[in-house]
C-alpha atoms as a PDB file:
ATOM      1  CA  UNK A   1      71.676  72.429  47.372  1.00  0.00           C
ATOM      2  CA  UNK A   2      69.221  74.116  49.731  1.00  0.00           C
ATOM      3  CA  UNK A   3      70.620  76.336  52.479  1.00  0.00           C
ATOM      4  CA  UNK A   4      67.798  75.418  54.870  1.00  0.00           C
ATOM      5  CA  UNK A   5      68.758  72.199  56.683  1.00  0.00           C
ATOM      6  CA  UNK A   6      71.719  69.919  57.323  1.00  0.00           C
ATOM      7  CA  UNK A   7      71.245  66.419  58.682  1.00  0.00           C
ATOM      8  CA  UNK A   8      74.278  65.366  60.703  1.00  0.00           C
ATOM      9  CA  UNK A   9      75.330  61.732  61.017  1.00  0.00           C
ATOM     10  CA  UNK A  10      78.209  61.280  63.471  1.00  0.00           C
ATOM     11  CA  UNK A  11      79.038  57.582  63.286  1.00  0.00           C
ATOM     12  CA  UNK A  12      81.436  54.906  64.446  1.00  0.00           C
ATOM     13  CA  UNK A  13      81.536  51.272  63.269  1.00  0.00           C
ATOM     14  CA  UNK A  14      77.878  51.089  62.283  1.00  0.00           C
ATOM     15  CA  UNK A  15      78.218  50.627  58.537  1.00  0.00           C
ATOM     16  CA  UNK A  16      74.992  48.572  58.131  1.00  0.00           C
ATOM     17  CA  UNK A  17      72.948  51.264  59.914  1.00  0.00           C
ATOM     18  CA  UNK A  18      74.691  54.027  57.944  1.00  0.00           C
ATOM     19  CA  UNK A  19      73.922  52.248  54.667  1.00  0.00           C
ATOM     20  CA  UNK A  20      70.251  51.825  55.540  1.00  0.00           C
ATOM     21  CA  UNK A  21      69.938  55.417  56.737  1.00  0.00           C
ATOM     22  CA  UNK A  22      71.581  56.853  53.624  1.00  0.00           C
ATOM     23  CA  UNK A  23      69.391  54.715  51.382  1.00  0.00           C
ATOM     24  CA  UNK A  24      66.320  56.236  53.015  1.00  0.00           C
ATOM     25  CA  UNK A  25      67.572  59.839  53.084  1.00  0.00           C
ATOM     26  CA  UNK A  26      68.752  59.711  49.471  1.00  0.00           C
ATOM     27  CA  UNK A  27      65.363  58.339  48.428  1.00  0.00           C
ATOM     28  CA  UNK A  28      63.867  61.483  49.983  1.00  0.00           C
ATOM     29  CA  UNK A  29      66.202  63.593  47.829  1.00  0.00           C
ATOM     30  CA  UNK A  30      65.004  61.646  44.784  1.00  0.00           C
ATOM     31  CA  UNK A  31      61.431  62.525  45.788  1.00  0.00           C
ATOM     32  CA  UNK A  32      62.208  66.249  45.805  1.00  0.00           C
ATOM     33  CA  UNK A  33      63.471  67.193  49.283  1.00  0.00           C
ATOM     34  CA  UNK A  34      66.680  69.212  49.281  1.00  0.00           C
ATOM     35  CA  UNK A  35      69.004  69.110  52.295  1.00  0.00           C
ATOM     36  CA  UNK A  36      72.645  68.500  53.089  1.00  0.00           C
ATOM     37  CA  UNK A  37      73.908  65.320  54.774  1.00  0.00           C
ATOM     38  CA  UNK A  38      77.110  65.598  56.825  1.00  0.00           C
ATOM     39  CA  UNK A  39      78.687  62.263  57.712  1.00  0.00           C
ATOM     40  CA  UNK A  40      81.382  62.440  60.384  1.00  0.00           C
ATOM     41  CA  UNK A  41      83.207  59.117  60.564  1.00  0.00           C
ATOM     42  CA  UNK A  42      84.999  58.719  63.892  1.00  0.00           C
ATOM     43  CA  UNK A  43      87.861  56.529  62.652  1.00  0.00           C
ATOM     44  CA  UNK A  44      85.685  53.489  62.016  1.00  0.00           C
ATOM     45  CA  UNK A  45      87.405  50.166  61.367  1.00  0.00           C
ATOM     46  CA  UNK A  46      84.505  48.560  59.476  1.00  0.00           C
ATOM     47  CA  UNK A  47      83.065  49.535  56.060  1.00  0.00           C
ATOM     48  CA  UNK A  48      81.820  52.959  57.178  1.00  0.00           C
ATOM     49  CA  UNK A  49      84.299  54.937  55.056  1.00  0.00           C
ATOM     50  CA  UNK A  50      83.504  52.952  51.900  1.00  0.00           C
ATOM     51  CA  UNK A  51      79.755  53.128  52.540  1.00  0.00           C
ATOM     52  CA  UNK A  52      79.860  56.911  52.923  1.00  0.00           C
ATOM     53  CA  UNK A  53      81.980  57.315  49.788  1.00  0.00           C
ATOM     54  CA  UNK A  54      79.593  55.186  47.731  1.00  0.00           C
ATOM     55  CA  UNK A  55      76.675  57.485  48.533  1.00  0.00           C
ATOM     56  CA  UNK A  56      78.810  60.598  48.198  1.00  0.00           C
ATOM     57  CA  UNK A  57      79.673  59.581  44.626  1.00  0.00           C
ATOM     58  CA  UNK A  58      75.980  59.138  43.830  1.00  0.00           C
ATOM     59  CA  UNK A  59      74.731  62.326  45.569  1.00  0.00           C
ATOM     60  CA  UNK A  60      77.795  64.553  45.525  1.00  0.00           C
ATOM     61  CA  UNK A  61      75.997  67.908  45.876  1.00  0.00           C
ATOM     62  CA  UNK A  62      74.067  66.794  48.949  1.00  0.00           C
ATOM     63  CA  UNK A  63      76.647  64.810  50.926  1.00  0.00           C
ATOM     64  CA  UNK A  64      79.747  65.923  52.791  1.00  0.00           C
ATOM     65  CA  UNK A  65      82.123  63.456  54.470  1.00  0.00           C
ATOM     66  CA  UNK A  66      84.593  64.088  57.278  1.00  0.00           C
ATOM     67  CA  UNK A  67      86.889  61.187  58.158  1.00  0.00           C
ATOM     68  CA  UNK A  68      88.593  61.458  61.537  1.00  0.00           C
ATOM     69  CA  UNK A  69      92.152  59.974  61.608  1.00  0.00           C
ATOM     70  CA  UNK A  70      91.152  57.813  64.610  1.00  0.00           C
ATOM     71  CA  UNK A  71      88.390  57.538  67.199  1.00  0.00           C
ATOM     72  CA  UNK A  72      88.564  60.938  68.900  1.00  0.00           C
ATOM     73  CA  UNK A  73      85.625  60.289  71.200  1.00  0.00           C
ATOM     74  CA  UNK A  74      81.896  60.798  70.799  1.00  0.00           C
ATOM     75  CA  UNK A  75      81.766  64.494  71.733  1.00  0.00           C
ATOM     76  CA  UNK A  76      84.637  65.518  69.457  1.00  0.00           C
ATOM     77  CA  UNK A  77      82.980  63.745  66.550  1.00  0.00           C
ATOM     78  CA  UNK A  78      79.678  65.536  67.171  1.00  0.00           C
ATOM     79  CA  UNK A  79      81.581  68.818  67.614  1.00  0.00           C
ATOM     80  CA  UNK A  80      83.335  68.326  64.254  1.00  0.00           C
ATOM     81  CA  UNK A  81      80.054  67.628  62.463  1.00  0.00           C
ATOM     82  CA  UNK A  82      78.466  70.763  63.956  1.00  0.00           C
ATOM     83  CA  UNK A  83      81.437  72.942  62.957  1.00  0.00           C
ATOM     84  CA  UNK A  84      80.987  71.888  59.318  1.00  0.00           C
ATOM     85  CA  UNK A  85      77.378  73.088  59.056  1.00  0.00           C
ATOM     86  CA  UNK A  86      76.734  75.698  56.353  1.00  0.00           C
ATOM     87  CA  UNK A  87      72.910  75.749  56.329  1.00  0.00           C
ATOM     88  CA  UNK A  88      70.503  77.852  58.396  1.00  0.00           C
ATOM     89  CA  UNK A  89      69.489  74.937  60.637  1.00  0.00           C
ATOM     90  CA  UNK A  90      70.871  71.524  61.535  1.00  0.00           C
ATOM     91  CA  UNK A  91      69.546  68.304  63.029  1.00  0.00           C
ATOM     92  CA  UNK A  92      71.923  65.744  64.573  1.00  0.00           C
ATOM     93  CA  UNK A  93      70.100  62.644  63.409  1.00  0.00           C
ATOM     94  CA  UNK A  94      72.838  60.120  64.165  1.00  0.00           C
ATOM     95  CA  UNK A  95      73.206  56.732  62.500  1.00  0.00           C
ATOM     96  CA  UNK A  96      70.325  54.786  64.091  1.00  0.00           C
ATOM     97  CA  UNK A  97      67.442  57.271  63.788  1.00  0.00           C
ATOM     98  CA  UNK A  98      65.166  58.354  60.943  1.00  0.00           C
ATOM     99  CA  UNK A  99      62.203  60.552  60.077  1.00  0.00           C
ATOM    100  CA  UNK A 100      59.440  59.492  57.710  1.00  0.00           C
ATOM    101  CA  UNK A 101      59.349  61.360  54.412  1.00  0.00           C
ATOM    102  CA  UNK A 102      56.088  63.144  55.224  1.00  0.00           C
ATOM    103  CA  UNK A 103      57.384  64.371  58.585  1.00  0.00           C
ATOM    104  CA  UNK A 104      60.646  65.675  57.143  1.00  0.00           C
ATOM    105  CA  UNK A 105      58.793  67.356  54.281  1.00  0.00           C
ATOM    106  CA  UNK A 106      56.367  68.998  56.721  1.00  0.00           C
ATOM    107  CA  UNK A 107      59.215  70.167  58.933  1.00  0.00           C
ATOM    108  CA  UNK A 108      61.246  71.615  56.061  1.00  0.00           C
ATOM    109  CA  UNK A 109      58.180  73.495  54.841  1.00  0.00           C
ATOM    110  CA  UNK A 110      57.838  74.946  58.334  1.00  0.00           C
ATOM    111  CA  UNK A 111      61.496  76.010  58.389  1.00  0.00           C
ATOM    112  CA  UNK A 112      61.064  77.798  55.076  1.00  0.00           C
ATOM    113  CA  UNK A 113      57.986  79.653  56.357  1.00  0.00           C
ATOM    114  CA  UNK A 114      58.975  80.474  59.945  1.00  0.00           C
ATOM    115  CA  UNK A 115      62.737  80.488  60.473  1.00  0.00           C
ATOM    116  CA  UNK A 116      62.728  83.190  63.166  1.00  0.00           C
ATOM    117  CA  UNK A 117      62.540  80.782  66.076  1.00  0.00           C
ATOM    118  CA  UNK A 118      65.580  80.098  68.242  1.00  0.00           C
ATOM    119  CA  UNK A 119      65.230  76.333  67.956  1.00  0.00           C
ATOM    120  CA  UNK A 120      62.874  73.425  67.577  1.00  0.00           C
ATOM    121  CA  UNK A 121      62.271  70.227  69.515  1.00  0.00           C
ATOM    122  CA  UNK A 122      60.855  67.247  67.643  1.00  0.00           C
ATOM    123  CA  UNK A 123      59.270  64.137  69.105  1.00  0.00           C
ATOM    124  CA  UNK A 124      61.814  61.371  69.800  1.00  0.00           C
ATOM    125  CA  UNK A 125      59.923  59.386  72.428  1.00  0.00           C
ATOM    126  CA  UNK A 126      56.294  58.281  72.647  1.00  0.00           C
ATOM    127  CA  UNK A 127      56.470  58.628  76.445  1.00  0.00           C
ATOM    128  CA  UNK A 128      56.490  62.414  76.094  1.00  0.00           C
ATOM    129  CA  UNK A 129      52.844  63.373  76.652  1.00  0.00           C
ATOM    130  CA  UNK A 130      52.976  67.021  75.617  1.00  0.00           C
ATOM    131  CA  UNK A 131      51.099  68.643  72.753  1.00  0.00           C
ATOM    132  CA  UNK A 132      52.707  71.073  70.331  1.00  0.00           C
ATOM    133  CA  UNK A 133      53.655  74.246  72.184  1.00  0.00           C
ATOM    134  CA  UNK A 134      56.064  77.170  72.170  1.00  0.00           C
ATOM    135  CA  UNK A 135      58.454  77.646  75.099  1.00  0.00           C
ATOM    136  CA  UNK A 136      59.402  81.128  76.280  1.00  0.00           C
ATOM    137  CA  UNK A 137      60.743  80.298  79.768  1.00  0.00           C
ATOM    138  CA  UNK A 138      63.773  78.075  80.417  1.00  0.00           C
ATOM    139  CA  UNK A 139      62.612  76.476  83.674  1.00  0.00           C
ATOM    140  CA  UNK A 140      59.382  75.416  81.988  1.00  0.00           C
ATOM    141  CA  UNK A 141      61.331  73.862  79.115  1.00  0.00           C
ATOM    142  CA  UNK A 142      63.768  72.025  81.406  1.00  0.00           C
ATOM    143  CA  UNK A 143      61.001  70.632  83.630  1.00  0.00           C
ATOM    144  CA  UNK A 144      59.097  69.193  80.690  1.00  0.00           C
ATOM    145  CA  UNK A 145      61.802  68.378  78.158  1.00  0.00           C
ATOM    146  CA  UNK A 146      65.171  67.739  79.869  1.00  0.00           C
ATOM    147  CA  UNK A 147      64.928  63.921  79.890  1.00  0.00           C
ATOM    148  CA  UNK A 148      63.571  63.960  76.331  1.00  0.00           C
ATOM    149  CA  UNK A 149      66.270  66.126  74.745  1.00  0.00           C
ATOM    150  CA  UNK A 150      68.993  63.788  75.970  1.00  0.00           C
ATOM    151  CA  UNK A 151      68.005  62.121  72.690  1.00  0.00           C
ATOM    152  CA  UNK A 152      70.576  63.206  70.119  1.00  0.00           C
ATOM    153  CA  UNK A 153      67.893  63.812  67.483  1.00  0.00           C
ATOM    154  CA  UNK A 154      65.426  65.820  69.568  1.00  0.00           C
ATOM    155  CA  UNK A 155      66.796  69.331  68.953  1.00  0.00           C
ATOM    156  CA  UNK A 156      66.994  71.325  65.738  1.00  0.00           C
ATOM    157  CA  UNK A 157      69.522  74.155  66.041  1.00  0.00           C
ATOM    158  CA  UNK A 158      69.957  77.436  64.182  1.00  0.00           C
ATOM    159  CA  UNK A 159      73.403  77.912  62.686  1.00  0.00           C
ATOM    160  CA  UNK A 160      73.971  80.875  65.027  1.00  0.00           C
ATOM    161  CA  UNK A 161      73.936  78.537  68.033  1.00  0.00           C
ATOM    162  CA  UNK A 162      77.400  77.199  67.180  1.00  0.00           C
ATOM    163  CA  UNK A 163      79.150  79.372  69.744  1.00  0.00           C
ATOM    164  CA  UNK A 164      82.598  77.996  70.476  1.00  0.00           C
ATOM    165  CA  UNK A 165      82.640  78.385  74.300  1.00  0.00           C
ATOM    166  CA  UNK A 166      79.245  76.663  74.529  1.00  0.00           C
ATOM    167  CA  UNK A 167      80.438  73.748  72.406  1.00  0.00           C
ATOM    168  CA  UNK A 168      83.753  73.301  74.186  1.00  0.00           C
ATOM    169  CA  UNK A 169      82.201  73.543  77.638  1.00  0.00           C
ATOM    170  CA  UNK A 170      80.349  70.250  77.144  1.00  0.00           C
ATOM    171  CA  UNK A 171      83.024  68.190  75.417  1.00  0.00           C
ATOM    172  CA  UNK A 172      83.569  65.102  77.526  1.00  0.00           C
ATOM    173  CA  UNK A 173      80.034  65.018  78.976  1.00  0.00           C
ATOM    174  CA  UNK A 174      78.316  62.777  76.371  1.00  0.00           C
ATOM    175  CA  UNK A 175      75.678  65.543  76.189  1.00  0.00           C
ATOM    176  CA  UNK A 176      77.318  68.156  73.974  1.00  0.00           C
ATOM    177  CA  UNK A 177      74.129  68.620  71.935  1.00  0.00           C
ATOM    178  CA  UNK A 178      72.044  69.122  75.082  1.00  0.00           C
ATOM    179  CA  UNK A 179      74.473  71.621  76.596  1.00  0.00           C
ATOM    180  CA  UNK A 180      74.765  73.617  73.376  1.00  0.00           C
ATOM    181  CA  UNK A 181      71.003  73.860  72.912  1.00  0.00           C
ATOM    182  CA  UNK A 182      70.305  75.058  76.465  1.00  0.00           C
ATOM    183  CA  UNK A 183      73.297  77.425  76.636  1.00  0.00           C
ATOM    184  CA  UNK A 184      72.277  79.067  73.372  1.00  0.00           C
ATOM    185  CA  UNK A 185      68.665  79.743  74.275  1.00  0.00           C
ATOM    186  CA  UNK A 186      69.727  80.958  77.747  1.00  0.00           C
ATOM    187  CA  UNK A 187      72.071  83.452  76.058  1.00  0.00           C
ATOM    188  CA  UNK A 188      69.083  85.129  74.368  1.00  0.00           C
ATOM    189  CA  UNK A 189      67.335  87.966  76.161  1.00  0.00           C
ATOM    190  CA  UNK A 190      64.076  86.377  75.029  1.00  0.00           C
ATOM    191  CA  UNK A 191      63.750  83.083  73.219  1.00  0.00           C
ATOM    192  CA  UNK A 192      61.132  81.057  71.362  1.00  0.00           C
ATOM    193  CA  UNK A 193      61.500  77.293  71.011  1.00  0.00           C
ATOM    194  CA  UNK A 194      58.759  75.323  69.292  1.00  0.00           C
ATOM    195  CA  UNK A 195      58.043  71.715  70.272  1.00  0.00           C
ATOM    196  CA  UNK A 196      56.396  69.749  67.460  1.00  0.00           C
ATOM    197  CA  UNK A 197      54.414  66.761  68.694  1.00  0.00           C
ATOM    198  CA  UNK A 198      53.648  65.428  65.213  1.00  0.00           C
ATOM    199  CA  UNK A 199      57.197  65.450  63.784  1.00  0.00           C
ATOM    200  CA  UNK A 200      58.489  62.097  65.000  1.00  0.00           C
ATOM    201  CA  UNK A 201      61.937  60.524  64.972  1.00  0.00           C
ATOM    202  CA  UNK A 202      61.981  56.740  64.872  1.00  0.00           C
ATOM    203  CA  UNK A 203      64.652  54.138  65.440  1.00  0.00           C
ATOM    204  CA  UNK A 204      66.387  52.310  62.615  1.00  0.00           C
ATOM    205  CA  UNK A 205      66.492  48.557  63.088  1.00  0.00           C
ATOM    206  CA  UNK A 206      68.256  45.780  61.207  1.00  0.00           C
ATOM    207  CA  UNK A 207      67.366  42.147  61.833  1.00  0.00           C
ATOM    208  CA  UNK A 208      70.137  40.298  63.620  1.00  0.00           C
ATOM    209  CA  UNK A 209      72.185  43.398  64.462  1.00  0.00           C
ATOM    210  CA  UNK A 210      72.080  44.866  67.952  1.00  0.00           C
ATOM    211  CA  UNK A 211      72.760  48.560  68.492  1.00  0.00           C
ATOM    212  CA  UNK A 212      75.455  48.950  71.155  1.00  0.00           C
ATOM    213  CA  UNK A 213      75.624  52.233  73.045  1.00  0.00           C
ATOM    214  CA  UNK A 214      76.110  53.364  76.654  1.00  0.00           C
ATOM    215  CA  UNK A 215      74.589  50.342  78.416  1.00  0.00           C
ATOM    216  CA  UNK A 216      77.851  49.044  79.884  1.00  0.00           C
ATOM    217  CA  UNK A 217      78.603  52.519  81.265  1.00  0.00           C
ATOM    218  CA  UNK A 218      75.183  53.424  82.609  1.00  0.00           C
ATOM    219  CA  UNK A 219      76.429  54.972  85.851  1.00  0.00           C
ATOM    220  CA  UNK A 220      79.128  57.115  84.261  1.00  0.00           C
ATOM    221  CA  UNK A 221      76.776  58.305  81.482  1.00  0.00           C
ATOM    222  CA  UNK A 222      73.420  58.828  83.202  1.00  0.00           C
ATOM    223  CA  UNK A 223      74.850  59.073  86.704  1.00  0.00           C
ATOM    224  CA  UNK A 224      78.014  61.167  86.747  1.00  0.00           C
ATOM    225  CA  UNK A 225      77.884  62.861  83.312  1.00  0.00           C
ATOM    226  CA  UNK A 226      74.157  63.621  83.386  1.00  0.00           C
ATOM    227  CA  UNK A 227      74.426  65.067  86.902  1.00  0.00           C
ATOM    228  CA  UNK A 228      77.429  67.237  86.013  1.00  0.00           C
ATOM    229  CA  UNK A 229      75.863  68.438  82.760  1.00  0.00           C
ATOM    230  CA  UNK A 230      72.659  69.583  84.433  1.00  0.00           C
ATOM    231  CA  UNK A 231      74.480  71.252  87.309  1.00  0.00           C
ATOM    232  CA  UNK A 232      76.711  73.102  84.798  1.00  0.00           C
ATOM    233  CA  UNK A 233      73.751  74.736  83.052  1.00  0.00           C
ATOM    234  CA  UNK A 234      73.283  78.520  83.314  1.00  0.00           C
ATOM    235  CA  UNK A 235      71.974  80.157  86.466  1.00  0.00           C
ATOM    236  CA  UNK A 236      68.701  81.119  84.802  1.00  0.00           C
ATOM    237  CA  UNK A 237      67.665  77.570  85.676  1.00  0.00           C
ATOM    238  CA  UNK A 238      66.923  77.333  89.384  1.00  0.00           C
ATOM    239  CA  UNK A 239      68.408  74.603  91.573  1.00  0.00           C
ATOM    240  CA  UNK A 240      65.112  72.832  92.236  1.00  0.00           C
ATOM    241  CA  UNK A 241      64.460  72.585  88.485  1.00  0.00           C
ATOM    242  CA  UNK A 242      67.938  71.158  87.932  1.00  0.00           C
ATOM    243  CA  UNK A 243      67.450  68.551  90.644  1.00  0.00           C
ATOM    244  CA  UNK A 244      64.089  67.536  89.193  1.00  0.00           C
ATOM    245  CA  UNK A 245      65.624  67.325  85.711  1.00  0.00           C
ATOM    246  CA  UNK A 246      68.395  65.019  86.910  1.00  0.00           C
ATOM    247  CA  UNK A 247      66.001  62.456  88.349  1.00  0.00           C
ATOM    248  CA  UNK A 248      63.330  62.875  85.657  1.00  0.00           C
ATOM    249  CA  UNK A 249      65.350  60.856  83.167  1.00  0.00           C
ATOM    250  CA  UNK A 250      65.160  57.728  85.298  1.00  0.00           C
ATOM    251  CA  UNK A 251      61.554  58.442  86.308  1.00  0.00           C
ATOM    252  CA  UNK A 252      60.598  58.133  82.639  1.00  0.00           C
ATOM    253  CA  UNK A 253      63.126  55.672  81.235  1.00  0.00           C
ATOM    254  CA  UNK A 254      63.630  53.502  84.334  1.00  0.00           C
ATOM    255  CA  UNK A 255      67.226  52.727  83.379  1.00  0.00           C
ATOM    256  CA  UNK A 256      68.288  52.493  87.044  1.00  0.00           C
ATOM    257  CA  UNK A 257      65.635  49.929  87.972  1.00  0.00           C
ATOM    258  CA  UNK A 258      66.947  46.968  89.971  1.00  0.00           C
ATOM    259  CA  UNK A 259      65.903  44.619  87.173  1.00  0.00           C
ATOM    260  CA  UNK A 260      67.925  46.591  84.642  1.00  0.00           C
ATOM    261  CA  UNK A 261      70.836  46.687  87.090  1.00  0.00           C
ATOM    262  CA  UNK A 262      70.675  42.898  87.437  1.00  0.00           C
ATOM    263  CA  UNK A 263      70.353  42.297  83.680  1.00  0.00           C
ATOM    264  CA  UNK A 264      73.224  44.683  82.915  1.00  0.00           C
ATOM    265  CA  UNK A 265      75.467  42.831  85.371  1.00  0.00           C
ATOM    266  CA  UNK A 266      74.628  39.605  83.550  1.00  0.00           C
ATOM    267  CA  UNK A 267      75.255  41.133  80.133  1.00  0.00           C
ATOM    268  CA  UNK A 268      78.327  43.284  80.739  1.00  0.00           C
ATOM    269  CA  UNK A 269      79.875  41.640  83.785  1.00  0.00           C
ATOM    270  CA  UNK A 270      82.824  43.290  85.497  1.00  0.00           C
ATOM    271  CA  UNK A 271      82.833  46.285  83.127  1.00  0.00           C
ATOM    272  CA  UNK A 272      79.401  47.262  84.404  1.00  0.00           C
ATOM    273  CA  UNK A 273      80.247  46.463  88.031  1.00  0.00           C
ATOM    274  CA  UNK A 274      83.375  48.639  87.835  1.00  0.00           C
ATOM    275  CA  UNK A 275      81.404  51.513  86.301  1.00  0.00           C
ATOM    276  CA  UNK A 276      78.886  51.255  89.145  1.00  0.00           C
ATOM    277  CA  UNK A 277      81.561  51.252  91.861  1.00  0.00           C
ATOM    278  CA  UNK A 278      83.311  54.312  90.440  1.00  0.00           C
ATOM    279  CA  UNK A 279      80.109  56.357  90.143  1.00  0.00           C
ATOM    280  CA  UNK A 280      77.751  55.045  92.833  1.00  0.00           C
ATOM    281  CA  UNK A 281      77.894  58.323  94.763  1.00  0.00           C
ATOM    282  CA  UNK A 282      75.568  59.794  92.105  1.00  0.00           C
ATOM    283  CA  UNK A 283      72.808  57.225  92.715  1.00  0.00           C
ATOM    284  CA  UNK A 284      71.010  59.365  95.293  1.00  0.00           C
ATOM    285  CA  UNK A 285      70.647  62.122  92.689  1.00  0.00           C
ATOM    286  CA  UNK A 286      69.539  60.041  89.690  1.00  0.00           C
ATOM    287  CA  UNK A 287      67.396  57.275  91.247  1.00  0.00           C
ATOM    288  CA  UNK A 288      64.657  57.079  93.887  1.00  0.00           C
ATOM    289  CA  UNK A 289      65.770  53.561  94.878  1.00  0.00           C
ATOM    290  CA  UNK A 290      67.899  53.295  98.002  1.00  0.00           C
ATOM    291  CA  UNK A 291      71.625  52.804  97.251  1.00  0.00           C
ATOM    292  CA  UNK A 292      71.497  49.892  99.710  1.00  0.00           C
ATOM    293  CA  UNK A 293      69.684  47.667  97.201  1.00  0.00           C
ATOM    294  CA  UNK A 294      72.214  48.320  94.431  1.00  0.00           C
ATOM    295  CA  UNK A 295      74.999  47.474  96.881  1.00  0.00           C
ATOM    296  CA  UNK A 296      73.401  44.134  97.760  1.00  0.00           C
ATOM    297  CA  UNK A 297      73.008  43.073  94.120  1.00  0.00           C
ATOM    298  CA  UNK A 298      76.489  44.327  93.187  1.00  0.00           C
ATOM    299  CA  UNK A 299      78.321  42.076  95.681  1.00  0.00           C
ATOM    300  CA  UNK A 300      76.782  38.861  94.354  1.00  0.00           C
ATOM    301  CA  UNK A 301      79.399  36.929  92.294  1.00  0.00           C
ATOM    302  CA  UNK A 302      78.640  36.769  88.574  1.00  0.00           C
ATOM    303  CA  UNK A 303      78.548  32.957  88.653  1.00  0.00           C
ATOM    304  CA  UNK A 304      75.758  33.096  91.228  1.00  0.00           C
ATOM    305  CA  UNK A 305      73.851  35.694  89.194  1.00  0.00           C
ATOM    306  CA  UNK A 306      74.050  33.479  86.114  1.00  0.00           C
ATOM    307  CA  UNK A 307      72.833  30.495  88.118  1.00  0.00           C
ATOM    308  CA  UNK A 308      69.888  32.521  89.424  1.00  0.00           C
ATOM    309  CA  UNK A 309      69.104  33.598  85.874  1.00  0.00           C
ATOM    310  CA  UNK A 310      69.332  29.996  84.630  1.00  0.00           C
ATOM    311  CA  UNK A 311      66.951  28.608  87.262  1.00  0.00           C
ATOM    312  CA  UNK A 312      64.503  31.502  86.883  1.00  0.00           C
ATOM    313  CA  UNK A 313      64.385  30.849  83.121  1.00  0.00           C
ATOM    314  CA  UNK A 314      63.671  27.173  83.768  1.00  0.00           C
ATOM    315  CA  UNK A 315      60.871  28.013  86.219  1.00  0.00           C
ATOM    316  CA  UNK A 316      59.302  30.475  83.754  1.00  0.00           C
ATOM    317  CA  UNK A 317      59.326  27.816  81.026  1.00  0.00           C
ATOM    318  CA  UNK A 318      57.684  25.283  83.349  1.00  0.00           C
ATOM    319  CA  UNK A 319      54.994  27.770  84.361  1.00  0.00           C
ATOM    320  CA  UNK A 320      54.303  28.590  80.726  1.00  0.00           C
ATOM    321  CA  UNK A 321      53.946  24.894  79.909  1.00  0.00           C
ATOM    322  CA  UNK A 322      51.521  24.405  82.756  1.00  0.00           C
END
């Protein structure tokens, strides 16, 4: 097995996605790419364990499995996967992302030629309108990339980045990968991080299966946790840059729009409303919309919201017919 790259798949109860992802990655091995796959199963109760074992038996030299005794939380599972890396670099791909063969081949060739960089960022979102460039200054990187590298698969780390205090500092934030990447490059007297516009990570989809993630806990994840993560970053990053980074995520992804707030209340009900109430003090930092408007929508009973949704759907259908 090559010592160049490990692809990490922390996973929980997503056996169909894991199966599809492993089918694709193992087909790349059959076509000549050589990398290690580390599957970290966070105590799944579906067929995840059996799915991982099936592919391990077929590709023993390239696959390593860690089975947690129970669900230890997202960050601990990512932490465990990172601690098991033995190669020079690692990418936390996750269980619902994938690279095309040509992109992974191109990237691995680059790693073999120029492995002196302190990290890489690959393209996880088409909304990032930046051409390939090398970063030497942390404020520049944060201003342009902070919202983008919240994506689990955006950063490629050198093995030397696995510094225990950096890892442990961000356990419990939902952004352990982000914190580790920034802490490591800030610890260097000088750093070089290469962003690669043409190496693109894409989403895995399966017909009829919805990917569940942080949607029901939007305000605790991208309100409280995102705010605290950014404000915990090293002092090389100035306060203005941190404040801009916090709000940049919503500026691009629009997850705190009033329409998304309304739709999330309909979908998740009281779980979402409770998450909002506990973390609404962070709204002024993560959204440019006045907290007043969220408060108005949040006090409307769910039955009324569903009625509004029902009648709006009927009106849209009538307008389409006409």
